[in-house]
PDB file of N, CA and C in Angstrom:
ATOM      1  N   VAL A   1      96.195  36.172  96.234  1.00  0.00           N
ATOM      2  CA  VAL A   1      95.688  36.296  94.886  1.00  0.00           C
ATOM      3  C   VAL A   1      96.163  37.604  94.265  1.00  0.00           C
ATOM      4  N   ALA A   2      96.092  38.702  95.005  1.00  0.00           N
ATOM      5  CA  ALA A   2      96.493  39.993  94.457  1.00  0.00           C
ATOM      6  C   ALA A   2      97.971  40.006  94.089  1.00  0.00           C
ATOM      7  N   ALA A   3      98.802  39.302  94.860  1.00  0.00           N
ATOM      8  CA  ALA A   3     100.226  39.234  94.569  1.00  0.00           C
ATOM      9  C   ALA A   3     100.526  38.183  93.507  1.00  0.00           C
ATOM     10  N   ASN A   4      99.496  37.486  93.052  1.00  0.00           N
ATOM     11  CA  ASN A   4      99.604  36.465  92.025  1.00  0.00           C
ATOM     12  C   ASN A   4     100.522  35.317  92.464  1.00  0.00           C
ATOM     13  N   ASP A   5     100.545  35.039  93.785  1.00  0.00           N
ATOM     14  CA  ASP A   5     101.383  33.961  94.296  1.00  0.00           C
ATOM     15  C   ASP A   5     100.576  32.712  94.632  1.00  0.00           C
ATOM     16  N   ARG A   6      99.302  32.727  94.359  1.00  0.00           N
ATOM     17  CA  ARG A   6      98.422  31.577  94.585  1.00  0.00           C
ATOM     18  C   ARG A   6      97.706  31.252  93.281  1.00  0.00           C
ATOM     19  N   PRO A   7      97.411  29.984  93.061  1.00  0.00           N
ATOM     20  CA  PRO A   7      96.641  29.642  91.863  1.00  0.00           C
ATOM     21  C   PRO A   7      95.231  30.243  91.938  1.00  0.00           C
ATOM     22  N   ARG A   8      94.756  30.739  90.847  1.00  0.00           N
ATOM     23  CA  ARG A   8      93.407  31.305  90.845  1.00  0.00           C
ATOM     24  C   ARG A   8      92.376  30.189  90.820  1.00  0.00           C
ATOM     25  N   VAL A   9      91.213  30.451  91.415  1.00  0.00           N
ATOM     26  CA  VAL A   9      90.159  29.445  91.436  1.00  0.00           C
ATOM     27  C   VAL A   9      89.060  29.753  90.435  1.00  0.00           C
ATOM     28  N   MET A  10      89.046  30.968  89.906  1.00  0.00           N
ATOM     29  CA  MET A  10      88.062  31.350  88.893  1.00  0.00           C
ATOM     30  C   MET A  10      88.774  32.120  87.789  1.00  0.00           C
ATOM     31  N   HIS A  11      88.158  32.162  86.630  1.00  0.00           N
ATOM     32  CA  HIS A  11      88.690  32.956  85.538  1.00  0.00           C
ATOM     33  C   HIS A  11      88.556  34.441  85.891  1.00  0.00           C
ATOM     34  N   THR A  12      89.417  35.280  85.345  1.00  0.00           N
ATOM     35  CA  THR A  12      89.541  36.679  85.738  1.00  0.00           C
ATOM     36  C   THR A  12      88.229  37.451  85.694  1.00  0.00           C
ATOM     37  N   VAL A  13      87.546  37.458  84.572  1.00  0.00           N
ATOM     38  CA  VAL A  13      86.323  38.247  84.462  1.00  0.00           C
ATOM     39  C   VAL A  13      85.209  37.622  85.297  1.00  0.00           C
ATOM     40  N   ASP A  14      85.149  36.292  85.393  1.00  0.00           N
ATOM     41  CA  ASP A  14      84.175  35.647  86.278  1.00  0.00           C
ATOM     42  C   ASP A  14      84.382  36.119  87.714  1.00  0.00           C
ATOM     43  N   THR A  15      85.636  36.204  88.143  1.00  0.00           N
ATOM     44  CA  THR A  15      85.945  36.667  89.493  1.00  0.00           C
ATOM     45  C   THR A  15      85.470  38.099  89.692  1.00  0.00           C
ATOM     46  N   PHE A  16      85.795  38.977  88.747  1.00  0.00           N
ATOM     47  CA  PHE A  16      85.398  40.379  88.846  1.00  0.00           C
ATOM     48  C   PHE A  16      83.877  40.518  88.909  1.00  0.00           C
ATOM     49  N   CYS A  17      83.172  39.845  88.012  1.00  0.00           N
ATOM     50  CA  CYS A  17      81.705  39.941  87.968  1.00  0.00           C
ATOM     51  C   CYS A  17      81.068  39.365  89.234  1.00  0.00           C
ATOM     52  N   THR A  18      81.634  38.283  89.744  1.00  0.00           N
ATOM     53  CA  THR A  18      81.118  37.670  90.962  1.00  0.00           C
ATOM     54  C   THR A  18      81.312  38.601  92.151  1.00  0.00           C
ATOM     55  N   LEU A  19      82.496  39.212  92.259  1.00  0.00           N
ATOM     56  CA  LEU A  19      82.746  40.147  93.357  1.00  0.00           C
ATOM     57  C   LEU A  19      81.819  41.359  93.282  1.00  0.00           C
ATOM     58  N   LEU A  20      81.612  41.871  92.078  1.00  0.00           N
ATOM     59  CA  LEU A  20      80.708  42.998  91.895  1.00  0.00           C
ATOM     60  C   LEU A  20      79.286  42.625  92.321  1.00  0.00           C
ATOM     61  N   ASP A  21      78.843  41.436  91.927  1.00  0.00           N
ATOM     62  CA  ASP A  21      77.516  40.978  92.308  1.00  0.00           C
ATOM     63  C   ASP A  21      77.426  40.736  93.817  1.00  0.00           C
ATOM     64  N   ASP A  22      78.510  40.226  94.412  1.00  0.00           N
ATOM     65  CA  ASP A  22      78.537  40.022  95.870  1.00  0.00           C
ATOM     66  C   ASP A  22      78.328  41.335  96.617  1.00  0.00           C
ATOM     67  N   VAL A  23      78.969  42.396  96.151  1.00  0.00           N
ATOM     68  CA  VAL A  23      78.801  43.701  96.791  1.00  0.00           C
ATOM     69  C   VAL A  23      77.345  44.142  96.704  1.00  0.00           C
ATOM     70  N   CYS A  24      76.733  43.955  95.545  1.00  0.00           N
ATOM     71  CA  CYS A  24      75.309  44.313  95.384  1.00  0.00           C
ATOM     72  C   CYS A  24      74.438  43.511  96.347  1.00  0.00           C
ATOM     73  N   CYS A  25      74.725  42.230  96.474  1.00  0.00           N
ATOM     74  CA  CYS A  25      73.958  41.380  97.392  1.00  0.00           C
ATOM     75  C   CYS A  25      74.118  41.848  98.833  1.00  0.00           C
ATOM     76  N   MET A  26      75.343  42.221  99.207  1.00  0.00           N
ATOM     77  CA  MET A  26      75.581  42.703 100.576  1.00  0.00           C
ATOM     78  C   MET A  26      74.830  43.996 100.831  1.00  0.00           C
ATOM     79  N   LEU A  27      74.874  44.920  99.873  1.00  0.00           N
ATOM     80  CA  LEU A  27      74.195  46.203 100.045  1.00  0.00           C
ATOM     81  C   LEU A  27      72.684  46.030 100.150  1.00  0.00           C
ATOM     82  N   GLU A  28      72.158  45.079  99.407  1.00  0.00           N
ATOM     83  CA  GLU A  28      70.714  44.814  99.435  1.00  0.00           C
ATOM     84  C   GLU A  28      70.328  43.840 100.541  1.00  0.00           C
ATOM     85  N   LYS A  29      71.337  43.338 101.265  1.00  0.00           N
ATOM     86  CA  LYS A  29      71.138  42.383 102.359  1.00  0.00           C
ATOM     87  C   LYS A  29      70.309  41.175 101.930  1.00  0.00           C
ATOM     88  N   ARG A  30      70.670  40.647 100.754  1.00  0.00           N
ATOM     89  CA  ARG A  30      69.996  39.438 100.278  1.00  0.00           C
ATOM     90  C   ARG A  30      71.003  38.297 100.212  1.00  0.00           C
ATOM     91  N   PRO A  31      70.527  37.071 100.426  1.00  0.00           N
ATOM     92  CA  PRO A  31      71.456  35.935 100.384  1.00  0.00           C
ATOM     93  C   PRO A  31      71.958  35.686  98.965  1.00  0.00           C
ATOM     94  N   VAL A  32      73.127  35.091  98.885  1.00  0.00           N
ATOM     95  CA  VAL A  32      73.715  34.712  97.606  1.00  0.00           C
ATOM     96  C   VAL A  32      73.491  33.220  97.422  1.00  0.00           C
ATOM     97  N   VAL A  33      72.873  32.860  96.318  1.00  0.00           N
ATOM     98  CA  VAL A  33      72.791  31.459  95.911  1.00  0.00           C
ATOM     99  C   VAL A  33      73.299  31.438  94.480  1.00  0.00           C
ATOM    100  N   ARG A  34      74.480  30.871  94.307  1.00  0.00           N
ATOM    101  CA  ARG A  34      75.131  30.941  93.013  1.00  0.00           C
ATOM    102  C   ARG A  34      75.758  29.581  92.682  1.00  0.00           C
ATOM    103  N   TYR A  35      75.730  29.251  91.425  1.00  0.00           N
ATOM    104  CA  TYR A  35      76.414  28.053  90.941  1.00  0.00           C
ATOM    105  C   TYR A  35      77.705  28.532  90.306  1.00  0.00           C
ATOM    106  N   VAL A  36      78.825  28.030  90.799  1.00  0.00           N
ATOM    107  CA  VAL A  36      80.123  28.522  90.347  1.00  0.00           C
ATOM    108  C   VAL A  36      80.947  27.411  89.724  1.00  0.00           C
ATOM    109  N   ARG A  37      81.796  27.814  88.809  1.00  0.00           N
ATOM    110  CA  ARG A  37      82.758  26.897  88.196  1.00  0.00           C
ATOM    111  C   ARG A  37      84.125  27.322  88.692  1.00  0.00           C
ATOM    112  N   TRP A  38      84.761  26.436  89.429  1.00  0.00           N
ATOM    113  CA  TRP A  38      86.088  26.726  89.951  1.00  0.00           C
ATOM    114  C   TRP A  38      87.127  25.914  89.204  1.00  0.00           C
ATOM    115  N   ILE A  39      88.305  26.479  89.112  1.00  0.00           N
ATOM    116  CA  ILE A  39      89.447  25.769  88.553  1.00  0.00           C
ATOM    117  C   ILE A  39      90.031  24.915  89.664  1.00  0.00           C
ATOM    118  N   LYS A  40      90.121  23.623  89.401  1.00  0.00           N
ATOM    119  CA  LYS A  40      90.671  22.701  90.394  1.00  0.00           C
ATOM    120  C   LYS A  40      92.116  22.415  90.041  1.00  0.00           C
ATOM    121  N   HIS A  41      92.991  22.566  91.020  1.00  0.00           N
ATOM    122  CA  HIS A  41      94.414  22.304  90.844  1.00  0.00           C
ATOM    123  C   HIS A  41      94.729  20.969  91.518  1.00  0.00           C
ATOM    124  N   PHE A  42      95.139  19.994  90.735  1.00  0.00           N
ATOM    125  CA  PHE A  42      95.385  18.656  91.251  1.00  0.00           C
ATOM    126  C   PHE A  42      96.771  18.559  91.882  1.00  0.00           C
ATOM    127  N   MET A  43      96.863  17.795  92.973  1.00  0.00           N
ATOM    128  CA  MET A  43      98.138  17.627  93.684  1.00  0.00           C
ATOM    129  C   MET A  43      99.223  17.042  92.765  1.00  0.00           C
ATOM    130  N   ALA A  44      98.839  16.130  91.891  1.00  0.00           N
ATOM    131  CA  ALA A  44      99.804  15.496  90.996  1.00  0.00           C
ATOM    132  C   ALA A  44     100.120  16.363  89.776  1.00  0.00           C
ATOM    133  N   GLY A  45      99.535  17.540  89.725  1.00  0.00           N
ATOM    134  CA  GLY A  45      99.737  18.434  88.588  1.00  0.00           C
ATOM    135  C   GLY A  45      98.519  18.462  87.690  1.00  0.00           C
ATOM    136  N   GLY A  46      98.404  19.479  86.899  1.00  0.00           N
ATOM    137  CA  GLY A  46      97.276  19.623  85.993  1.00  0.00           C
ATOM    138  C   GLY A  46      96.110  20.350  86.645  1.00  0.00           C
ATOM    139  N   THR A  47      95.145  20.703  85.818  1.00  0.00           N
ATOM    140  CA  THR A  47      93.976  21.440  86.291  1.00  0.00           C
ATOM    141  C   THR A  47      92.722  20.909  85.618  1.00  0.00           C
ATOM    142  N   GLY A  48      91.582  21.252  86.165  1.00  0.00           N
ATOM    143  CA  GLY A  48      90.285  20.895  85.602  1.00  0.00           C
ATOM    144  C   GLY A  48      89.244  21.834  86.189  1.00  0.00           C
ATOM    145  N   HIS A  49      87.993  21.583  85.914  1.00  0.00           N
ATOM    146  CA  HIS A  49      86.919  22.419  86.448  1.00  0.00           C
ATOM    147  C   HIS A  49      86.034  21.603  87.383  1.00  0.00           C
ATOM    148  N   THR A  50      85.539  22.255  88.428  1.00  0.00           N
ATOM    149  CA  THR A  50      84.603  21.658  89.361  1.00  0.00           C
ATOM    150  C   THR A  50      83.464  22.642  89.556  1.00  0.00           C
ATOM    151  N   PHE A  51      82.243  22.160  89.637  1.00  0.00           N
ATOM    152  CA  PHE A  51      81.078  23.012  89.852  1.00  0.00           C
ATOM    153  C   PHE A  51      80.587  22.884  91.288  1.00  0.00           C
ATOM    154  N   TYR A  52      80.203  24.035  91.859  1.00  0.00           N
ATOM    155  CA  TYR A  52      79.673  24.068  93.213  1.00  0.00           C
ATOM    156  C   TYR A  52      78.418  24.923  93.266  1.00  0.00           C
ATOM    157  N   LYS A  53      77.528  24.568  94.185  1.00  0.00           N
ATOM    158  CA  LYS A  53      76.436  25.464  94.564  1.00  0.00           C
ATOM    159  C   LYS A  53      76.950  26.214  95.789  1.00  0.00           C
ATOM    160  N   HIS A  54      77.023  27.512  95.686  1.00  0.00           N
ATOM    161  CA  HIS A  54      77.595  28.369  96.722  1.00  0.00           C
ATOM    162  C   HIS A  54      76.452  29.169  97.339  1.00  0.00           C
ATOM    163  N   THR A  55      76.202  28.957  98.621  1.00  0.00           N
ATOM    164  CA  THR A  55      75.144  29.677  99.323  1.00  0.00           C
ATOM    165  C   THR A  55      75.778  30.480 100.447  1.00  0.00           C
ATOM    166  N   ARG A  56      75.455  31.768 100.513  1.00  0.00           N
ATOM    167  CA  ARG A  56      76.001  32.608 101.571  1.00  0.00           C
ATOM    168  C   ARG A  56      74.919  33.533 102.126  1.00  0.00           C
ATOM    169  N   HIS A  57      74.844  33.559 103.424  1.00  0.00           N
ATOM    170  CA  HIS A  57      73.934  34.458 104.127  1.00  0.00           C
ATOM    171  C   HIS A  57      74.772  35.470 104.897  1.00  0.00           C
ATOM    172  N   THR A  58      74.323  36.706 104.899  1.00  0.00           N
ATOM    173  CA  THR A  58      74.984  37.753 105.662  1.00  0.00           C
ATOM    174  C   THR A  58      74.161  38.006 106.911  1.00  0.00           C
ATOM    175  N   VAL A  59      74.817  37.955 108.057  1.00  0.00           N
ATOM    176  CA  VAL A  59      74.148  38.185 109.331  1.00  0.00           C
ATOM    177  C   VAL A  59      74.815  39.380 109.998  1.00  0.00           C
ATOM    178  N   GLU A  60      73.999  40.373 110.373  1.00  0.00           N
ATOM    179  CA  GLU A  60      74.534  41.547 111.055  1.00  0.00           C
ATOM    180  C   GLU A  60      74.245  41.416 112.544  1.00  0.00           C
ATOM    181  N   GLU A  61      75.310  41.397 113.331  1.00  0.00           N
ATOM    182  CA  GLU A  61      75.180  41.271 114.778  1.00  0.00           C
ATOM    183  C   GLU A  61      76.084  42.288 115.460  1.00  0.00           C
ATOM    184  N   SER A  62      75.523  43.082 116.331  1.00  0.00           N
ATOM    185  CA  SER A  62      76.306  44.038 117.123  1.00  0.00           C
ATOM    186  C   SER A  62      77.207  44.918 116.268  1.00  0.00           C
ATOM    187  N   GLY A  63      76.704  45.351 115.134  1.00  0.00           N
ATOM    188  CA  GLY A  63      77.460  46.252 114.277  1.00  0.00           C
ATOM    189  C   GLY A  63      78.506  45.604 113.392  1.00  0.00           C
ATOM    190  N   SER A  64      78.620  44.284 113.418  1.00  0.00           N
ATOM    191  CA  SER A  64      79.575  43.613 112.533  1.00  0.00           C
ATOM    192  C   SER A  64      78.841  42.619 111.638  1.00  0.00           C
ATOM    193  N   LEU A  65      79.438  42.342 110.498  1.00  0.00           N
ATOM    194  CA  LEU A  65      78.847  41.413 109.541  1.00  0.00           C
ATOM    195  C   LEU A  65      79.507  40.055 109.646  1.00  0.00           C
ATOM    196  N   THR A  66      78.688  39.019 109.605  1.00  0.00           N
ATOM    197  CA  THR A  66      79.183  37.654 109.587  1.00  0.00           C
ATOM    198  C   THR A  66      78.653  36.997 108.324  1.00  0.00           C
ATOM    199  N   PHE A  67      79.512  36.262 107.623  1.00  0.00           N
ATOM    200  CA  PHE A  67      79.105  35.557 106.420  1.00  0.00           C
ATOM    201  C   PHE A  67      79.079  34.071 106.711  1.00  0.00           C
ATOM    202  N   LYS A  68      77.965  33.443 106.438  1.00  0.00           N
ATOM    203  CA  LYS A  68      77.855  31.991 106.588  1.00  0.00           C
ATOM    204  C   LYS A  68      77.791  31.408 105.187  1.00  0.00           C
ATOM    205  N   THR A  69      78.789  30.592 104.852  1.00  0.00           N
ATOM    206  CA  THR A  69      78.942  30.077 103.499  1.00  0.00           C
ATOM    207  C   THR A  69      78.867  28.560 103.489  1.00  0.00           C
ATOM    208  N   VAL A  70      78.139  28.022 102.500  1.00  0.00           N
ATOM    209  CA  VAL A  70      78.051  26.580 102.291  1.00  0.00           C
ATOM    210  C   VAL A  70      78.389  26.295 100.833  1.00  0.00           C
ATOM    211  N   LEU A  71      79.295  25.360 100.588  1.00  0.00           N
ATOM    212  CA  LEU A  71      79.630  24.909  99.235  1.00  0.00           C
ATOM    213  C   LEU A  71      79.181  23.468  99.088  1.00  0.00           C
ATOM    214  N   GLU A  72      78.406  23.201  98.033  1.00  0.00           N
ATOM    215  CA  GLU A  72      77.966  21.840  97.737  1.00  0.00           C
ATOM    216  C   GLU A  72      78.426  21.490  96.329  1.00  0.00           C
ATOM    217  N   LEU A  73      79.085  20.354  96.197  1.00  0.00           N
ATOM    218  CA  LEU A  73      79.507  19.888  94.884  1.00  0.00           C
ATOM    219  C   LEU A  73      78.278  19.656  94.014  1.00  0.00           C
ATOM    220  N   CYS A  74      78.323  20.071  92.759  1.00  0.00           N
ATOM    221  CA  CYS A  74      77.202  19.811  91.851  1.00  0.00           C
ATOM    222  C   CYS A  74      77.738  19.396  90.484  1.00  0.00           C
ATOM    223  N   THR A  75      76.855  18.917  89.655  1.00  0.00           N
ATOM    224  CA  THR A  75      77.220  18.437  88.325  1.00  0.00           C
ATOM    225  C   THR A  75      77.027  19.546  87.288  1.00  0.00           C
ATOM    226  N   PRO A  76      77.629  19.403  86.112  1.00  0.00           N
ATOM    227  CA  PRO A  76      77.355  20.362  85.042  1.00  0.00           C
ATOM    228  C   PRO A  76      75.864  20.413  84.687  1.00  0.00           C
ATOM    229  N   GLU A  77      75.158  19.286  84.840  1.00  0.00           N
ATOM    230  CA  GLU A  77      73.715  19.259  84.546  1.00  0.00           C
ATOM    231  C   GLU A  77      72.940  20.102  85.562  1.00  0.00           C
ATOM    232  N   GLN A  78      73.317  20.023  86.830  1.00  0.00           N
ATOM    233  CA  GLN A  78      72.663  20.851  87.849  1.00  0.00           C
ATOM    234  C   GLN A  78      72.960  22.331  87.598  1.00  0.00           C
ATOM    235  N   TYR A  79      74.168  22.614  87.151  1.00  0.00           N
ATOM    236  CA  TYR A  79      74.546  23.969  86.776  1.00  0.00           C
ATOM    237  C   TYR A  79      73.630  24.465  85.647  1.00  0.00           C
ATOM    238  N   ASP A  80      73.422  23.625  84.631  1.00  0.00           N
ATOM    239  CA  ASP A  80      72.569  23.993  83.497  1.00  0.00           C
ATOM    240  C   ASP A  80      71.127  24.221  83.927  1.00  0.00           C
ATOM    241  N   GLU A  81      70.621  23.386  84.835  1.00  0.00           N
ATOM    242  CA  GLU A  81      69.255  23.560  85.341  1.00  0.00           C
ATOM    243  C   GLU A  81      69.112  24.912  86.033  1.00  0.00           C
ATOM    244  N   ALA A  82      70.086  25.273  86.842  1.00  0.00           N
ATOM    245  CA  ALA A  82      70.055  26.571  87.523  1.00  0.00           C
ATOM    246  C   ALA A  82      70.147  27.714  86.516  1.00  0.00           C
ATOM    247  N   ALA A  83      71.000  27.564  85.501  1.00  0.00           N
ATOM    248  CA  ALA A  83      71.168  28.601  84.479  1.00  0.00           C
ATOM    249  C   ALA A  83      69.892  28.797  83.664  1.00  0.00           C
ATOM    250  N   ALA A  84      69.140  27.714  83.439  1.00  0.00           N
ATOM    251  CA  ALA A  84      67.880  27.816  82.686  1.00  0.00           C
ATOM    252  C   ALA A  84      66.841  28.635  83.459  1.00  0.00           C
ATOM    253  N   ILE A  85      66.882  28.523  84.776  1.00  0.00           N
ATOM    254  CA  ILE A  85      65.924  29.254  85.617  1.00  0.00           C
ATOM    255  C   ILE A  85      66.378  30.694  85.829  1.00  0.00           C
ATOM    256  N   ASP A  86      67.663  30.880  86.133  1.00  0.00           N
ATOM    257  CA  ASP A  86      68.204  32.212  86.418  1.00  0.00           C
ATOM    258  C   ASP A  86      69.668  32.276  85.979  1.00  0.00           C
ATOM    259  N   PRO A  87      69.947  32.707  84.744  1.00  0.00           N
ATOM    260  CA  PRO A  87      71.327  32.739  84.242  1.00  0.00           C
ATOM    261  C   PRO A  87      72.275  33.536  85.139  1.00  0.00           C
ATOM    262  N   HIS A  88      71.750  34.553  85.773  1.00  0.00           N
ATOM    263  CA  HIS A  88      72.572  35.406  86.635  1.00  0.00           C
ATOM    264  C   HIS A  88      73.091  34.642  87.863  1.00  0.00           C
ATOM    265  N   SER A  89      72.411  33.572  88.246  1.00  0.00           N
ATOM    266  CA  SER A  89      72.834  32.806  89.424  1.00  0.00           C
ATOM    267  C   SER A  89      74.067  31.941  89.129  1.00  0.00           C
ATOM    268  N   CYS A  90      74.442  31.827  87.883  1.00  0.00           N
ATOM    269  CA  CYS A  90      75.593  30.991  87.531  1.00  0.00           C
ATOM    270  C   CYS A  90      76.835  31.823  87.259  1.00  0.00           C
ATOM    271  N   ARG A  91      76.779  32.702  86.342  1.00  0.00           N
ATOM    272  CA  ARG A  91      77.917  33.562  86.027  1.00  0.00           C
ATOM    273  C   ARG A  91      77.359  34.965  85.858  1.00  0.00           C
ATOM    274  N   PRO A  92      77.383  35.753  86.951  1.00  0.00           N
ATOM    275  CA  PRO A  92      76.785  37.086  86.882  1.00  0.00           C
ATOM    276  C   PRO A  92      77.297  37.886  85.689  1.00  0.00           C
ATOM    277  N   PHE A  93      76.372  38.470  84.970  1.00  0.00           N
ATOM    278  CA  PHE A  93      76.629  39.364  83.839  1.00  0.00           C
ATOM    279  C   PHE A  93      77.112  38.667  82.569  1.00  0.00           C
ATOM    280  N   ALA A  94      77.345  37.361  82.596  1.00  0.00           N
ATOM    281  CA  ALA A  94      77.842  36.657  81.407  1.00  0.00           C
ATOM    282  C   ALA A  94      76.846  36.737  80.249  1.00  0.00           C
ATOM    283  N   ALA A  95      75.571  36.523  80.545  1.00  0.00           N
ATOM    284  CA  ALA A  95      74.554  36.554  79.485  1.00  0.00           C
ATOM    285  C   ALA A  95      74.473  37.938  78.837  1.00  0.00           C
ATOM    286  N   LEU A  96      74.764  38.980  79.604  1.00  0.00           N
ATOM    287  CA  LEU A  96      74.693  40.340  79.070  1.00  0.00           C
ATOM    288  C   LEU A  96      75.708  40.599  77.967  1.00  0.00           C
ATOM    289  N   ILE A  97      76.823  39.853  77.987  1.00  0.00           N
ATOM    290  CA  ILE A  97      77.820  40.038  76.926  1.00  0.00           C
ATOM    291  C   ILE A  97      77.793  38.889  75.919  1.00  0.00           C
ATOM    292  N   GLY A  98      76.732  38.070  75.990  1.00  0.00           N
ATOM    293  CA  GLY A  98      76.541  37.042  74.978  1.00  0.00           C
ATOM    294  C   GLY A  98      77.120  35.681  75.293  1.00  0.00           C
ATOM    295  N   ASP A  99      77.581  35.467  76.519  1.00  0.00           N
ATOM    296  CA  ASP A  99      78.166  34.177  76.886  1.00  0.00           C
ATOM    297  C   ASP A  99      77.123  33.351  77.631  1.00  0.00           C
ATOM    298  N   GLN A 100      76.516  32.404  76.926  1.00  0.00           N
ATOM    299  CA  GLN A 100      75.471  31.571  77.521  1.00  0.00           C
ATOM    300  C   GLN A 100      75.837  30.092  77.379  1.00  0.00           C
ATOM    301  N   ARG A 101      77.113  29.780  77.562  1.00  0.00           N
ATOM    302  CA  ARG A 101      77.569  28.405  77.403  1.00  0.00           C
ATOM    303  C   ARG A 101      77.040  27.498  78.508  1.00  0.00           C
ATOM    304  N   ALA A 102      76.797  26.255  78.134  1.00  0.00           N
ATOM    305  CA  ALA A 102      76.313  25.241  79.084  1.00  0.00           C
ATOM    306  C   ALA A 102      77.463  24.767  79.966  1.00  0.00           C
ATOM    307  N   GLY A 103      77.104  24.151  81.087  1.00  0.00           N
ATOM    308  CA  GLY A 103      78.100  23.615  82.010  1.00  0.00           C
ATOM    309  C   GLY A 103      79.043  22.642  81.341  1.00  0.00           C
ATOM    310  N   SER A 104      78.508  21.793  80.456  1.00  0.00           N
ATOM    311  CA  SER A 104      79.369  20.814  79.774  1.00  0.00           C
ATOM    312  C   SER A 104      80.388  21.514  78.875  1.00  0.00           C
ATOM    313  N   GLU A 105      80.008  22.628  78.251  1.00  0.00           N
ATOM    314  CA  GLU A 105      80.943  23.392  77.421  1.00  0.00           C
ATOM    315  C   GLU A 105      82.011  24.059  78.287  1.00  0.00           C
ATOM    316  N   LEU A 106      81.583  24.614  79.414  1.00  0.00           N
ATOM    317  CA  LEU A 106      82.517  25.273  80.313  1.00  0.00           C
ATOM    318  C   LEU A 106      83.515  24.287  80.916  1.00  0.00           C
ATOM    319  N   GLN A 107      83.042  23.075  81.170  1.00  0.00           N
ATOM    320  CA  GLN A 107      83.900  22.060  81.765  1.00  0.00           C
ATOM    321  C   GLN A 107      85.008  21.635  80.803  1.00  0.00           C
ATOM    322  N   LEU A 108      84.747  21.678  79.507  1.00  0.00           N
ATOM    323  CA  LEU A 108      85.735  21.273  78.501  1.00  0.00           C
ATOM    324  C   LEU A 108      86.767  22.349  78.206  1.00  0.00           C
ATOM    325  N   GLU A 109      86.481  23.565  78.626  1.00  0.00           N
ATOM    326  CA  GLU A 109      87.370  24.679  78.357  1.00  0.00           C
ATOM    327  C   GLU A 109      88.719  24.490  79.067  1.00  0.00           C
ATOM    328  N   ASP A 110      89.783  24.944  78.455  1.00  0.00           N
ATOM    329  CA  ASP A 110      91.115  24.858  79.039  1.00  0.00           C
ATOM    330  C   ASP A 110      91.189  25.774  80.266  1.00  0.00           C
ATOM    331  N   PRO A 111      91.388  25.207  81.466  1.00  0.00           N
ATOM    332  CA  PRO A 111      91.408  26.022  82.683  1.00  0.00           C
ATOM    333  C   PRO A 111      92.562  27.016  82.747  1.00  0.00           C
ATOM    334  N   THR A 112      93.592  26.821  81.932  1.00  0.00           N
ATOM    335  CA  THR A 112      94.729  27.738  81.960  1.00  0.00           C
ATOM    336  C   THR A 112      94.476  28.980  81.103  1.00  0.00           C
ATOM    337  N   GLN A 113      93.406  28.968  80.318  1.00  0.00           N
ATOM    338  CA  GLN A 113      93.063  30.113  79.474  1.00  0.00           C
ATOM    339  C   GLN A 113      91.902  30.871  80.098  1.00  0.00           C
ATOM    340  N   ASP A 114      91.889  32.178  79.922  1.00  0.00           N
ATOM    341  CA  ASP A 114      90.772  32.957  80.443  1.00  0.00           C
ATOM    342  C   ASP A 114      89.567  32.779  79.545  1.00  0.00           C
ATOM    343  N   SER A 115      88.442  32.461  80.146  1.00  0.00           N
ATOM    344  CA  SER A 115      87.252  32.042  79.397  1.00  0.00           C
ATOM    345  C   SER A 115      86.592  33.151  78.604  1.00  0.00           C
ATOM    346  N   TRP A 116      86.917  34.401  78.839  1.00  0.00           N
ATOM    347  CA  TRP A 116      86.215  35.500  78.164  1.00  0.00           C
ATOM    348  C   TRP A 116      87.060  36.118  77.065  1.00  0.00           C
ATOM    349  N   GLU A 117      88.247  35.613  76.829  1.00  0.00           N
ATOM    350  CA  GLU A 117      89.152  36.244  75.868  1.00  0.00           C
ATOM    351  C   GLU A 117      88.548  36.404  74.487  1.00  0.00           C
ATOM    352  N   GLY A 118      87.844  35.386  74.000  1.00  0.00           N
ATOM    353  CA  GLY A 118      87.274  35.459  72.663  1.00  0.00           C
ATOM    354  C   GLY A 118      86.003  36.279  72.570  1.00  0.00           C
ATOM    355  N   LEU A 119      85.448  36.681  73.723  1.00  0.00           N
ATOM    356  CA  LEU A 119      84.173  37.393  73.724  1.00  0.00           C
ATOM    357  C   LEU A 119      84.350  38.910  73.753  1.00  0.00           C
ATOM    358  N   MET A 120      85.530  39.375  74.092  1.00  0.00           N
ATOM    359  CA  MET A 120      85.733  40.826  74.252  1.00  0.00           C
ATOM    360  C   MET A 120      86.182  41.441  72.955  1.00  0.00           C
TER     361      MET A 120
END
């Protein structure tokens, strides 16, 4: 990803905010339960969006950290339900800059464009 030789799975600012939130979760030793929108790259070409419930627990054993991650496919409606309860669980920090779009709106967005360009 850093060498830009792989397709990205998240939009740039979503990736940055998610990584920042992940570090906070690790430091506080709390599990991550997040609903994410990933860019799906189809084998036949083209792209689209897929929503997942991403759950990760950090386990410290013998001085090393182990991450246990589970991804579950979810619908834009399930994404919206989670966002209604805790907006931060879907796109960390998005609500703080005024981006409160529903899952159905995010799904229609062009995956080749960065989703925050018009908000900055």
